[in-house]
Protein backbone atom coordinates (compact mmCIF):
# COMPACT_ATOMS: atom_id res chain seq x y z
CA MET A 1 121.11 148.49 61.39
CA PRO A 2 120.13 152.04 61.62
CA VAL A 3 120.57 154.65 58.03
CA ASN A 4 123.90 156.27 60.24
CA THR A 5 125.80 152.65 59.93
CA LEU A 6 125.14 152.20 55.95
CA VAL A 7 126.01 155.74 55.35
CA SER A 8 129.56 155.34 57.07
CA ILE A 9 129.46 151.76 55.88
CA ALA A 10 129.76 153.20 52.29
CA GLN A 11 132.00 156.16 53.29
CA SER A 12 134.43 154.41 54.84
CA ARG A 13 136.03 150.70 53.83
CA SER A 14 137.81 150.45 57.48
CA THR A 15 134.66 151.60 58.67
CA ALA A 16 132.61 148.28 56.91
CA ASN A 17 135.63 145.88 57.74
CA ARG A 18 135.31 147.13 61.22
CA LEU A 19 131.56 145.40 61.28
CA ALA A 20 132.20 143.16 59.29
CA LYS A 21 134.46 141.62 61.70
CA SER A 22 131.32 141.15 64.38
CA LEU A 23 129.56 138.88 61.99
CA ASN A 24 130.18 135.41 60.40
CA ALA A 25 130.51 134.39 57.16
CA ALA A 26 127.24 133.31 56.15
CA GLU A 27 125.77 136.59 57.87
CA LEU A 28 127.83 139.14 56.09
CA LYS A 29 126.89 137.21 52.89
CA LYS A 30 123.63 137.10 53.48
CA ALA A 31 123.29 141.12 54.57
CA ILE A 32 125.64 141.76 51.47
CA SER A 33 122.34 139.58 49.46
CA HIS A 34 119.65 141.72 51.46
CA LEU A 35 121.67 144.92 50.33
CA GLU A 36 121.52 144.16 46.31
CA ALA A 37 118.28 143.07 46.27
CA ALA A 38 117.68 146.31 48.48
CA LEU A 39 119.99 147.78 45.45
CA ILE A 40 117.75 146.61 42.73
CA ALA A 41 114.28 147.30 44.16
CA ILE A 42 115.19 150.99 44.16
CA GLU A 43 117.20 151.41 40.94
CA ARG A 44 113.38 149.40 39.60
CA ARG A 45 111.78 152.13 41.50
CA GLU A 46 113.78 155.31 39.89
CA VAL A 47 113.46 153.69 36.64
CA VAL A 48 109.30 153.99 36.68
CA LYS A 49 109.30 157.44 38.39
CA ALA A 50 111.69 158.06 35.87
CA ALA A 51 109.28 157.13 32.65
CA LYS A 52 106.11 158.62 34.78
CA LYS A 53 107.84 161.96 34.93
CA GLN A 54 108.81 161.33 31.30
CA ALA A 55 105.15 160.79 30.51
CA ALA A 56 104.00 164.08 32.40
CA ASN A 57 106.61 165.93 30.81
CA LEU A 58 105.19 164.68 26.94
CA LYS A 59 101.56 165.14 28.27
CA LYS A 60 102.24 168.89 28.87
CA LEU A 61 103.59 169.20 25.63
CA LYS A 62 101.10 168.09 23.57
CA ALA A 63 98.85 170.58 25.34
CA MET A 64 100.49 173.31 24.64
CA MET A 65 101.04 172.43 21.21
CA ALA A 66 97.26 171.79 20.90
CA ASP A 67 97.28 175.23 22.68
CA MET A 68 98.94 176.91 20.07
CA ASP A 69 97.35 174.59 17.40
CA LEU A 70 100.65 172.99 15.87
CA THR A 71 100.53 169.42 15.38
CA ALA A 72 104.38 167.30 15.40
CA ALA A 73 104.89 167.54 11.59
CA ASP A 74 104.64 171.77 11.93
CA VAL A 75 107.63 171.02 14.40
CA ARG A 76 109.19 168.78 12.93
CA SER A 77 109.22 171.29 9.70
CA LEU A 78 110.89 173.78 11.84
CA THR A 79 114.07 171.50 12.56
CA THR A 80 114.42 170.65 9.10
CA THR A 81 114.69 173.96 7.12
CA GLY A 82 117.77 173.92 7.16
CA THR A 83 119.06 176.16 9.57
CA LYS A 84 122.92 175.73 10.37
CA ARG A 85 124.28 177.52 13.38
CA LYS A 86 127.23 179.96 11.76
CA THR A 87 130.72 178.63 13.18
CA ALA A 88 132.46 181.25 15.06
CA ARG A 89 136.03 182.54 13.35
CA GLY A 90 139.56 183.62 15.05
CA LYS A 91 138.36 181.86 18.34
CA THR A 92 141.20 179.79 19.67
CA SER A 93 140.99 176.08 20.87
CA GLY A 94 141.95 177.33 23.90
CA ARG A 95 145.32 175.62 24.07
CA ARG A 96 148.22 178.20 24.47
CA LYS A 97 150.92 178.47 21.56
CA ALA A 98 154.01 176.06 21.56
CA ASP A 99 156.87 177.48 22.56
CA PRO A 100 159.25 178.53 19.82
CA ARG A 101 162.38 176.26 21.57
CA LYS A 102 160.42 173.33 21.63
CA GLY A 103 162.57 170.93 20.62
CA LYS A 104 166.33 171.72 20.82
CA SER A 105 168.34 170.47 23.71
CA ARG A 106 169.54 172.49 26.91
CA ALA A 107 172.57 173.30 25.26
CA GLU A 108 171.66 174.84 21.65
CA ILE A 109 169.55 176.87 24.20
CA SER A 110 171.96 178.08 26.38
CA THR A 111 174.46 178.84 23.47
CA LYS A 112 172.03 181.10 22.22
CA SER A 113 170.86 183.08 25.05
CA ARG A 114 174.20 183.16 27.20
CA HIS A 115 175.63 186.89 27.17
CA LYS A 116 179.19 187.38 25.65
CA PRO A 117 182.33 187.17 28.91
CA PRO A 118 183.57 190.85 28.77
CA GLN A 119 186.71 191.61 26.75
CA VAL A 120 190.30 191.43 28.53
CA ASP A 121 191.63 194.44 26.59
CA GLY A 122 191.22 197.01 29.08
CA PRO A 123 193.77 199.01 31.01
CA TRP A 124 192.29 197.26 34.30
CA SER A 125 193.20 193.69 32.55
CA HIS A 126 196.11 193.27 34.35
CA ALA A 127 194.81 193.15 38.24
CA THR A 128 192.17 190.12 37.02
CA GLY A 129 195.72 188.32 36.76
CA VAL A 130 194.87 186.85 33.09
């Protein structure tokens, strides 16, 4: 099975189903078990690779510390001296302020914001039919 086929199976369930229809159940189970074994092998390799990288970084750190004549106790004493970060004051939490009308019914809001109707006492009041 080419790599392109595995990539297409990984990206689409419909492609996986279409390819699986060409196999019987026993062949499909065998293919899945082989893929699971490959996955476990890859995960083990990644763990070993990460451990080797960490060991190399630690070796580099020890060499740098030796160049600077520092010990682990010196570094530890720097972190326990009590240097505290100053907290920023006056910053908001990023949330918007709540609507002052929140919690009120729609009727209460609309009656307060509604304009009063014009008075009908003027000289043209007879024209409106009132």
